[in-house]
Amino acid sequence: MRIAMFAAASFALLATPASAWTVTHERDRLTDRELTWASAQSGGATLLVGCLNGHVQPRLVWTERVGFGNGIGVSWRLDNGPVVMTTGALFSQDGQTLYAWPGTLESQVISGLRKGKRLRVQLGDAVLDFDLTRGVGWPQQWGKCG
């Protein structure tokens, strides 16, 4: 298992949740399909939810490289539910996007985000805390995804 290298300046232990969903709509310039994205901020990270590879997927995005590799350990908790952990997360080649919920975990997380009020994600010593109650509500439709 590879261990992710995190830039200390990119993460901070957060005591309070950050504000929630910002929803954007755009037209894909290649396919002319309407795309819908929902995002929430915590520290330097963005929780981004939208169409990828034909279905709605969540991922974490930073503006700079924060890690590398695959087999990354990630723990998360939706609302007051149990802490769930995986060692299957992977970073994009540029190290700015973490696909934290591989395979069947994606649908579990999407279902929880739809109704959830708070998502906490732990990567190493860093904890990201997303408040999902403020801002715009969860999108009812994601455009043509697929």
N, C-alpha and C. Protein backbone atom coordinates (compact mmCIF):
# COMPACT_ATOMS: atom_id res chain seq x y z
N MET A 1 0.84 -1.18 0.00
CA MET A 1 0.00 0.00 0.00
C MET A 1 0.89 1.24 0.00
N ARG A 2 0.60 2.13 -0.88
CA ARG A 2 1.35 3.39 -0.92
C ARG A 2 0.76 4.36 0.09
N ILE A 3 1.58 5.16 0.67
CA ILE A 3 1.14 6.19 1.61
C ILE A 3 1.13 7.52 0.88
N ALA A 4 0.06 8.28 1.06
CA ALA A 4 -0.05 9.58 0.42
C ALA A 4 0.86 10.59 1.11
N MET A 5 1.41 11.48 0.31
CA MET A 5 2.22 12.56 0.83
C MET A 5 1.33 13.81 0.82
N PHE A 6 1.12 14.40 1.98
CA PHE A 6 0.25 15.56 2.06
C PHE A 6 1.05 16.80 2.39
N ALA A 7 0.74 17.87 1.71
CA ALA A 7 1.37 19.16 2.00
C ALA A 7 0.74 19.71 3.27
N ALA A 8 1.54 20.01 4.26
CA ALA A 8 1.03 20.45 5.55
C ALA A 8 0.19 21.71 5.43
N ALA A 9 0.53 22.58 4.50
CA ALA A 9 -0.22 23.83 4.35
C ALA A 9 -1.60 23.61 3.74
N SER A 10 -1.84 22.47 3.11
CA SER A 10 -3.10 22.22 2.44
C SER A 10 -4.21 21.80 3.37
N PHE A 11 -3.85 21.26 4.51
CA PHE A 11 -4.85 20.74 5.43
C PHE A 11 -4.76 21.45 6.77
N ALA A 12 -5.89 21.54 7.43
CA ALA A 12 -5.90 22.03 8.80
C ALA A 12 -6.95 21.24 9.55
N LEU A 13 -6.72 20.98 10.81
CA LEU A 13 -7.71 20.32 11.63
C LEU A 13 -8.80 21.34 11.89
N LEU A 14 -10.02 21.03 11.48
CA LEU A 14 -11.10 22.00 11.53
C LEU A 14 -12.03 21.71 12.70
N ALA A 15 -12.35 22.73 13.47
CA ALA A 15 -13.24 22.57 14.60
C ALA A 15 -14.69 22.79 14.21
N THR A 16 -14.95 23.58 13.19
CA THR A 16 -16.31 23.84 12.77
C THR A 16 -16.48 23.53 11.30
N PRO A 17 -17.68 23.11 10.91
CA PRO A 17 -17.91 22.78 9.50
C PRO A 17 -17.83 24.00 8.60
N ALA A 18 -17.46 23.76 7.36
CA ALA A 18 -17.44 24.82 6.35
C ALA A 18 -18.81 24.89 5.69
N SER A 19 -19.09 25.96 4.94
CA SER A 19 -20.40 26.11 4.32
C SER A 19 -20.61 25.13 3.18
N ALA A 20 -21.88 24.97 2.79
CA ALA A 20 -22.27 23.84 1.96
C ALA A 20 -22.51 24.11 0.49
N TRP A 21 -23.42 23.34 -0.10
CA TRP A 21 -23.60 23.17 -1.53
C TRP A 21 -23.70 24.45 -2.33
N THR A 22 -22.85 24.51 -3.30
CA THR A 22 -22.95 25.47 -4.39
C THR A 22 -23.25 24.63 -5.61
N VAL A 23 -24.32 24.95 -6.32
CA VAL A 23 -24.71 24.15 -7.49
C VAL A 23 -24.50 24.98 -8.75
N THR A 24 -23.81 24.39 -9.72
CA THR A 24 -23.58 25.07 -10.99
C THR A 24 -24.11 24.21 -12.13
N HIS A 25 -24.55 24.88 -13.17
CA HIS A 25 -25.03 24.22 -14.39
C HIS A 25 -24.19 24.75 -15.54
N GLU A 26 -23.75 23.85 -16.38
CA GLU A 26 -22.98 24.27 -17.54
C GLU A 26 -23.25 23.32 -18.69
N ARG A 27 -22.94 23.76 -19.87
CA ARG A 27 -23.10 22.93 -21.06
C ARG A 27 -21.74 22.39 -21.46
N ASP A 28 -21.67 21.07 -21.59
CA ASP A 28 -20.43 20.43 -22.03
C ASP A 28 -20.15 20.87 -23.46
N ARG A 29 -18.99 21.44 -23.70
CA ARG A 29 -18.69 21.99 -25.02
C ARG A 29 -18.51 20.90 -26.08
N LEU A 30 -18.17 19.71 -25.68
CA LEU A 30 -17.98 18.63 -26.64
C LEU A 30 -19.29 17.92 -26.98
N THR A 31 -20.10 17.61 -25.95
CA THR A 31 -21.33 16.82 -26.17
C THR A 31 -22.60 17.66 -26.22
N ASP A 32 -22.52 18.93 -25.83
CA ASP A 32 -23.67 19.82 -25.70
C ASP A 32 -24.66 19.38 -24.63
N ARG A 33 -24.29 18.45 -23.77
CA ARG A 33 -25.15 18.03 -22.67
C ARG A 33 -25.07 19.04 -21.54
N GLU A 34 -26.18 19.21 -20.83
CA GLU A 34 -26.15 20.05 -19.64
C GLU A 34 -25.59 19.23 -18.49
N LEU A 35 -24.62 19.81 -17.79
CA LEU A 35 -24.00 19.16 -16.65
C LEU A 35 -24.33 19.95 -15.38
N THR A 36 -24.55 19.24 -14.30
CA THR A 36 -24.82 19.86 -13.01
C THR A 36 -23.75 19.40 -12.04
N TRP A 37 -23.20 20.34 -11.29
CA TRP A 37 -22.18 20.06 -10.30
C TRP A 37 -22.61 20.63 -8.96
N ALA A 38 -22.41 19.87 -7.90
CA ALA A 38 -22.63 20.36 -6.54
C ALA A 38 -21.29 20.33 -5.83
N SER A 39 -20.98 21.39 -5.11
CA SER A 39 -19.70 21.43 -4.41
C SER A 39 -19.87 22.06 -3.04
N ALA A 40 -19.01 21.64 -2.12
CA ALA A 40 -18.96 22.19 -0.77
C ALA A 40 -17.49 22.34 -0.40
N GLN A 41 -17.17 23.33 0.41
CA GLN A 41 -15.79 23.65 0.77
C GLN A 41 -15.50 23.30 2.22
N SER A 42 -14.28 22.88 2.48
CA SER A 42 -13.76 22.72 3.83
C SER A 42 -12.26 22.93 3.76
N GLY A 43 -11.79 23.97 4.41
CA GLY A 43 -10.36 24.29 4.32
C GLY A 43 -9.99 24.52 2.87
N GLY A 44 -8.93 23.90 2.40
CA GLY A 44 -8.50 24.03 1.02
C GLY A 44 -9.09 22.99 0.10
N ALA A 45 -10.02 22.17 0.60
CA ALA A 45 -10.59 21.08 -0.20
C ALA A 45 -12.01 21.40 -0.66
N THR A 46 -12.35 20.87 -1.82
CA THR A 46 -13.71 20.96 -2.35
C THR A 46 -14.26 19.55 -2.50
N LEU A 47 -15.42 19.32 -1.93
CA LEU A 47 -16.17 18.09 -2.17
C LEU A 47 -16.97 18.36 -3.44
N LEU A 48 -16.67 17.65 -4.50
CA LEU A 48 -17.28 17.88 -5.80
C LEU A 48 -18.09 16.65 -6.18
N VAL A 49 -19.35 16.87 -6.53
CA VAL A 49 -20.24 15.78 -6.94
C VAL A 49 -20.80 16.13 -8.30
N GLY A 50 -20.68 15.21 -9.23
CA GLY A 50 -21.21 15.44 -10.57
C GLY A 50 -20.95 14.23 -11.45
N CYS A 51 -21.35 14.36 -12.70
CA CYS A 51 -21.26 13.26 -13.64
C CYS A 51 -19.81 12.97 -14.02
N LEU A 52 -19.43 11.72 -13.91
CA LEU A 52 -18.11 11.27 -14.33
C LEU A 52 -18.25 9.81 -14.77
N ASN A 53 -17.79 9.51 -15.96
CA ASN A 53 -17.87 8.15 -16.50
C ASN A 53 -19.29 7.60 -16.52
N GLY A 54 -20.26 8.45 -16.82
CA GLY A 54 -21.62 8.01 -17.01
C GLY A 54 -22.51 7.95 -15.78
N HIS A 55 -21.98 8.24 -14.60
CA HIS A 55 -22.84 8.29 -13.42
C HIS A 55 -22.32 9.32 -12.42
N VAL A 56 -23.17 9.68 -11.48
CA VAL A 56 -22.84 10.71 -10.49
C VAL A 56 -21.83 10.13 -9.50
N GLN A 57 -20.73 10.86 -9.31
CA GLN A 57 -19.66 10.41 -8.42
C GLN A 57 -19.17 11.56 -7.54
N PRO A 58 -18.80 11.26 -6.31
CA PRO A 58 -18.18 12.26 -5.44
C PRO A 58 -16.66 12.16 -5.51
N ARG A 59 -15.99 13.27 -5.29
CA ARG A 59 -14.53 13.28 -5.22
C ARG A 59 -14.09 14.52 -4.45
N LEU A 60 -12.87 14.51 -3.99
CA LEU A 60 -12.29 15.64 -3.28
C LEU A 60 -11.25 16.27 -4.18
N VAL A 61 -11.26 17.61 -4.26
CA VAL A 61 -10.39 18.34 -5.18
C VAL A 61 -9.68 19.47 -4.44
N TRP A 62 -8.40 19.65 -4.78
CA TRP A 62 -7.60 20.76 -4.27
C TRP A 62 -7.03 21.53 -5.44
N THR A 63 -6.55 22.73 -5.20
CA THR A 63 -5.98 23.55 -6.27
C THR A 63 -4.50 23.26 -6.50
N GLU A 64 -3.90 22.44 -5.65
CA GLU A 64 -2.50 22.06 -5.81
C GLU A 64 -2.34 20.59 -5.46
N ARG A 65 -1.21 20.03 -5.80
CA ARG A 65 -0.93 18.62 -5.51
C ARG A 65 -0.88 18.42 -4.00
N VAL A 66 -1.64 17.42 -3.52
CA VAL A 66 -1.64 17.11 -2.09
C VAL A 66 -1.25 15.66 -1.80
N GLY A 67 -1.16 14.83 -2.83
CA GLY A 67 -0.81 13.44 -2.61
C GLY A 67 -0.56 12.71 -3.90
N PHE A 68 -0.29 11.43 -3.78
CA PHE A 68 -0.05 10.62 -4.97
C PHE A 68 -0.38 9.16 -4.65
N GLY A 69 -0.60 8.39 -5.69
CA GLY A 69 -0.72 6.95 -5.56
C GLY A 69 -2.13 6.44 -5.36
N ASN A 70 -2.18 5.13 -5.07
CA ASN A 70 -3.45 4.47 -4.81
C ASN A 70 -3.32 3.66 -3.52
N GLY A 71 -4.40 3.03 -3.12
CA GLY A 71 -4.38 2.32 -1.85
C GLY A 71 -4.35 3.28 -0.67
N ILE A 72 -4.92 4.46 -0.86
CA ILE A 72 -4.92 5.51 0.16
C ILE A 72 -6.01 5.21 1.19
N GLY A 73 -5.67 5.31 2.46
CA GLY A 73 -6.64 5.12 3.53
C GLY A 73 -7.43 6.39 3.77
N VAL A 74 -8.76 6.25 3.75
CA VAL A 74 -9.67 7.36 3.99
C VAL A 74 -10.76 6.89 4.95
N SER A 75 -11.05 7.69 5.96
CA SER A 75 -12.17 7.42 6.86
C SER A 75 -13.17 8.54 6.71
N TRP A 76 -14.46 8.23 6.86
CA TRP A 76 -15.47 9.27 6.76
C TRP A 76 -16.66 8.91 7.64
N ARG A 77 -17.44 9.95 7.93
CA ARG A 77 -18.63 9.79 8.75
C ARG A 77 -19.69 10.75 8.25
N LEU A 78 -20.85 10.21 7.94
CA LEU A 78 -22.00 11.03 7.54
C LEU A 78 -22.89 11.23 8.76
N ASP A 79 -23.19 12.48 9.07
CA ASP A 79 -24.00 12.84 10.23
C ASP A 79 -23.47 12.14 11.48
N ASN A 80 -24.33 11.43 12.21
CA ASN A 80 -23.91 10.73 13.42
C ASN A 80 -23.77 9.23 13.19
N GLY A 81 -23.62 8.85 11.93
CA GLY A 81 -23.47 7.44 11.58
C GLY A 81 -22.11 6.90 11.99
N PRO A 82 -21.87 5.64 11.67
CA PRO A 82 -20.59 5.03 12.02
C PRO A 82 -19.45 5.57 11.17
N VAL A 83 -18.25 5.49 11.69
CA VAL A 83 -17.06 5.83 10.91
C VAL A 83 -16.80 4.66 9.96
N VAL A 84 -16.63 4.98 8.68
CA VAL A 84 -16.38 3.98 7.65
C VAL A 84 -14.98 4.25 7.10
N MET A 85 -14.27 3.18 6.75
CA MET A 85 -12.91 3.34 6.27
C MET A 85 -12.67 2.48 5.04
N THR A 86 -11.85 3.00 4.13
CA THR A 86 -11.41 2.23 2.98
C THR A 86 -9.93 2.48 2.77
N THR A 87 -9.27 1.52 2.17
CA THR A 87 -7.88 1.71 1.76
C THR A 87 -7.79 1.65 0.24
N GLY A 88 -8.93 1.92 -0.43
CA GLY A 88 -8.97 1.82 -1.88
C GLY A 88 -9.00 3.15 -2.61
N ALA A 89 -8.82 4.25 -1.91
CA ALA A 89 -8.86 5.56 -2.56
C ALA A 89 -7.62 5.76 -3.43
N LEU A 90 -7.77 6.63 -4.45
CA LEU A 90 -6.62 6.91 -5.31
C LEU A 90 -6.61 8.35 -5.76
N PHE A 91 -5.40 8.87 -5.95
CA PHE A 91 -5.21 10.22 -6.45
C PHE A 91 -5.12 10.22 -7.96
N SER A 92 -5.55 11.33 -8.56
CA SER A 92 -5.35 11.55 -9.99
C SER A 92 -3.86 11.72 -10.25
N GLN A 93 -3.47 11.67 -11.51
CA GLN A 93 -2.05 11.79 -11.85
C GLN A 93 -1.44 13.12 -11.40
N ASP A 94 -2.26 14.19 -11.42
CA ASP A 94 -1.71 15.48 -11.00
C ASP A 94 -1.74 15.67 -9.48
N GLY A 95 -2.31 14.70 -8.74
CA GLY A 95 -2.31 14.75 -7.28
C GLY A 95 -3.28 15.75 -6.69
N GLN A 96 -4.18 16.30 -7.50
CA GLN A 96 -5.12 17.31 -7.02
C GLN A 96 -6.52 16.76 -6.77
N THR A 97 -6.83 15.57 -7.24
CA THR A 97 -8.16 14.98 -7.08
C THR A 97 -8.01 13.63 -6.39
N LEU A 98 -8.80 13.44 -5.33
CA LEU A 98 -8.82 12.17 -4.63
C LEU A 98 -10.16 11.50 -4.85
N TYR A 99 -10.12 10.32 -5.46
CA TYR A 99 -11.31 9.50 -5.64
C TYR A 99 -11.38 8.62 -4.39
N ALA A 100 -12.05 9.16 -3.37
CA ALA A 100 -12.01 8.57 -2.03
C ALA A 100 -12.96 7.39 -1.85
N TRP A 101 -13.96 7.28 -2.72
CA TRP A 101 -14.99 6.26 -2.52
C TRP A 101 -15.11 5.37 -3.74
N PRO A 102 -14.22 4.41 -3.89
CA PRO A 102 -14.22 3.57 -5.10
C PRO A 102 -15.37 2.55 -5.12
N GLY A 103 -15.77 2.21 -6.34
CA GLY A 103 -16.74 1.13 -6.54
C GLY A 103 -18.07 1.34 -5.85
N THR A 104 -18.51 0.34 -5.13
CA THR A 104 -19.83 0.37 -4.50
C THR A 104 -19.94 1.41 -3.40
N LEU A 105 -18.82 1.87 -2.86
CA LEU A 105 -18.88 2.90 -1.83
C LEU A 105 -19.44 4.21 -2.38
N GLU A 106 -19.25 4.46 -3.69
CA GLU A 106 -19.77 5.70 -4.29
C GLU A 106 -21.26 5.82 -4.09
N SER A 107 -22.03 4.77 -4.39
CA SER A 107 -23.48 4.85 -4.26
C SER A 107 -23.89 5.03 -2.81
N GLN A 108 -23.16 4.41 -1.88
CA GLN A 108 -23.44 4.58 -0.46
C GLN A 108 -23.23 6.03 -0.04
N VAL A 109 -22.14 6.64 -0.49
CA VAL A 109 -21.84 8.02 -0.13
C VAL A 109 -22.84 8.97 -0.80
N ILE A 110 -23.15 8.77 -2.08
CA ILE A 110 -24.11 9.62 -2.77
C ILE A 110 -25.46 9.58 -2.06
N SER A 111 -25.92 8.41 -1.67
CA SER A 111 -27.18 8.27 -0.95
C SER A 111 -27.14 9.05 0.36
N GLY A 112 -26.03 8.97 1.07
CA GLY A 112 -25.89 9.70 2.32
C GLY A 112 -25.81 11.20 2.12
N LEU A 113 -25.13 11.65 1.07
CA LEU A 113 -25.00 13.08 0.80
C LEU A 113 -26.34 13.70 0.44
N ARG A 114 -27.18 12.93 -0.23
CA ARG A 114 -28.49 13.41 -0.66
C ARG A 114 -29.32 13.90 0.53
N LYS A 115 -29.23 13.20 1.65
CA LYS A 115 -30.04 13.53 2.83
C LYS A 115 -29.21 14.04 4.00
N GLY A 116 -27.89 13.95 3.87
CA GLY A 116 -27.02 14.25 4.99
C GLY A 116 -26.92 15.73 5.33
N LYS A 117 -26.47 15.97 6.56
CA LYS A 117 -26.29 17.33 7.05
C LYS A 117 -24.81 17.66 7.27
N ARG A 118 -24.00 16.59 7.44
CA ARG A 118 -22.58 16.82 7.74
C ARG A 118 -21.77 15.62 7.26
N LEU A 119 -20.66 15.90 6.61
CA LEU A 119 -19.72 14.87 6.19
C LEU A 119 -18.35 15.24 6.73
N ARG A 120 -17.74 14.31 7.46
CA ARG A 120 -16.38 14.49 7.92
C ARG A 120 -15.50 13.44 7.25
N VAL A 121 -14.36 13.87 6.75
CA VAL A 121 -13.43 12.99 6.04
C VAL A 121 -12.06 13.14 6.69
N GLN A 122 -11.44 12.00 7.01
CA GLN A 122 -10.10 12.03 7.60
C GLN A 122 -9.10 11.38 6.65
N LEU A 123 -8.01 12.12 6.38
CA LEU A 123 -6.88 11.65 5.59
C LEU A 123 -5.64 11.85 6.44
N GLY A 124 -5.07 10.77 6.93
CA GLY A 124 -3.95 10.91 7.86
C GLY A 124 -4.41 11.65 9.10
N ASP A 125 -3.72 12.74 9.46
CA ASP A 125 -4.09 13.54 10.63
C ASP A 125 -5.08 14.65 10.30
N ALA A 126 -5.34 14.87 9.02
CA ALA A 126 -6.21 15.97 8.60
C ALA A 126 -7.67 15.55 8.62
N VAL A 127 -8.54 16.44 9.08
CA VAL A 127 -9.98 16.20 9.08
C VAL A 127 -10.65 17.33 8.32
N LEU A 128 -11.40 16.96 7.29
CA LEU A 128 -12.21 17.92 6.52
C LEU A 128 -13.64 17.79 7.02
N ASP A 129 -14.31 18.91 7.23
CA ASP A 129 -15.64 18.92 7.83
C ASP A 129 -16.57 19.73 6.94
N PHE A 130 -17.46 19.05 6.23
CA PHE A 130 -18.37 19.69 5.28
C PHE A 130 -19.77 19.81 5.88
N ASP A 131 -20.26 21.04 5.99
CA ASP A 131 -21.64 21.32 6.42
C ASP A 131 -22.50 21.24 5.17
N LEU A 132 -23.43 20.30 5.13
CA LEU A 132 -24.25 20.06 3.93
C LEU A 132 -25.63 20.68 4.03
N THR A 133 -25.87 21.55 5.02
CA THR A 133 -27.20 22.12 5.22
C THR A 133 -27.35 23.52 4.67
N ARG A 134 -26.27 24.23 4.45
CA ARG A 134 -26.35 25.61 3.98
C ARG A 134 -26.24 25.67 2.47
N GLY A 135 -26.39 26.85 1.94
CA GLY A 135 -26.27 27.01 0.50
C GLY A 135 -27.49 26.46 -0.21
N VAL A 136 -27.31 26.11 -1.45
CA VAL A 136 -28.39 25.58 -2.29
C VAL A 136 -28.63 24.12 -1.93
N GLY A 137 -29.87 23.66 -2.11
CA GLY A 137 -30.20 22.26 -1.83
C GLY A 137 -29.56 21.31 -2.84
N TRP A 138 -29.53 20.05 -2.47
CA TRP A 138 -29.01 18.96 -3.31
C TRP A 138 -29.77 18.93 -4.63
N PRO A 139 -29.09 18.85 -5.76
CA PRO A 139 -29.77 18.85 -7.07
C PRO A 139 -30.72 17.65 -7.22
N GLN A 140 -31.90 17.92 -7.76
CA GLN A 140 -32.86 16.84 -8.03
C GLN A 140 -32.50 16.11 -9.33
N GLN A 141 -31.85 16.83 -10.25
CA GLN A 141 -31.43 16.23 -11.51
C GLN A 141 -29.98 16.64 -11.78
N TRP A 142 -29.26 15.75 -12.46
CA TRP A 142 -27.85 15.97 -12.75
C TRP A 142 -27.59 16.21 -14.22
N GLY A 143 -28.62 16.55 -14.98
CA GLY A 143 -28.45 16.69 -16.41
C GLY A 143 -28.39 15.30 -17.03
N LYS A 144 -27.91 15.19 -18.24
CA LYS A 144 -27.82 13.89 -18.89
C LYS A 144 -26.48 13.28 -18.54
N CYS A 145 -26.52 12.38 -17.62
CA CYS A 145 -25.31 11.73 -17.13
C CYS A 145 -25.25 10.32 -17.71
N GLY A 146 -24.51 10.19 -18.80
CA GLY A 146 -24.41 8.86 -19.37
C GLY A 146 -24.57 8.86 -20.87
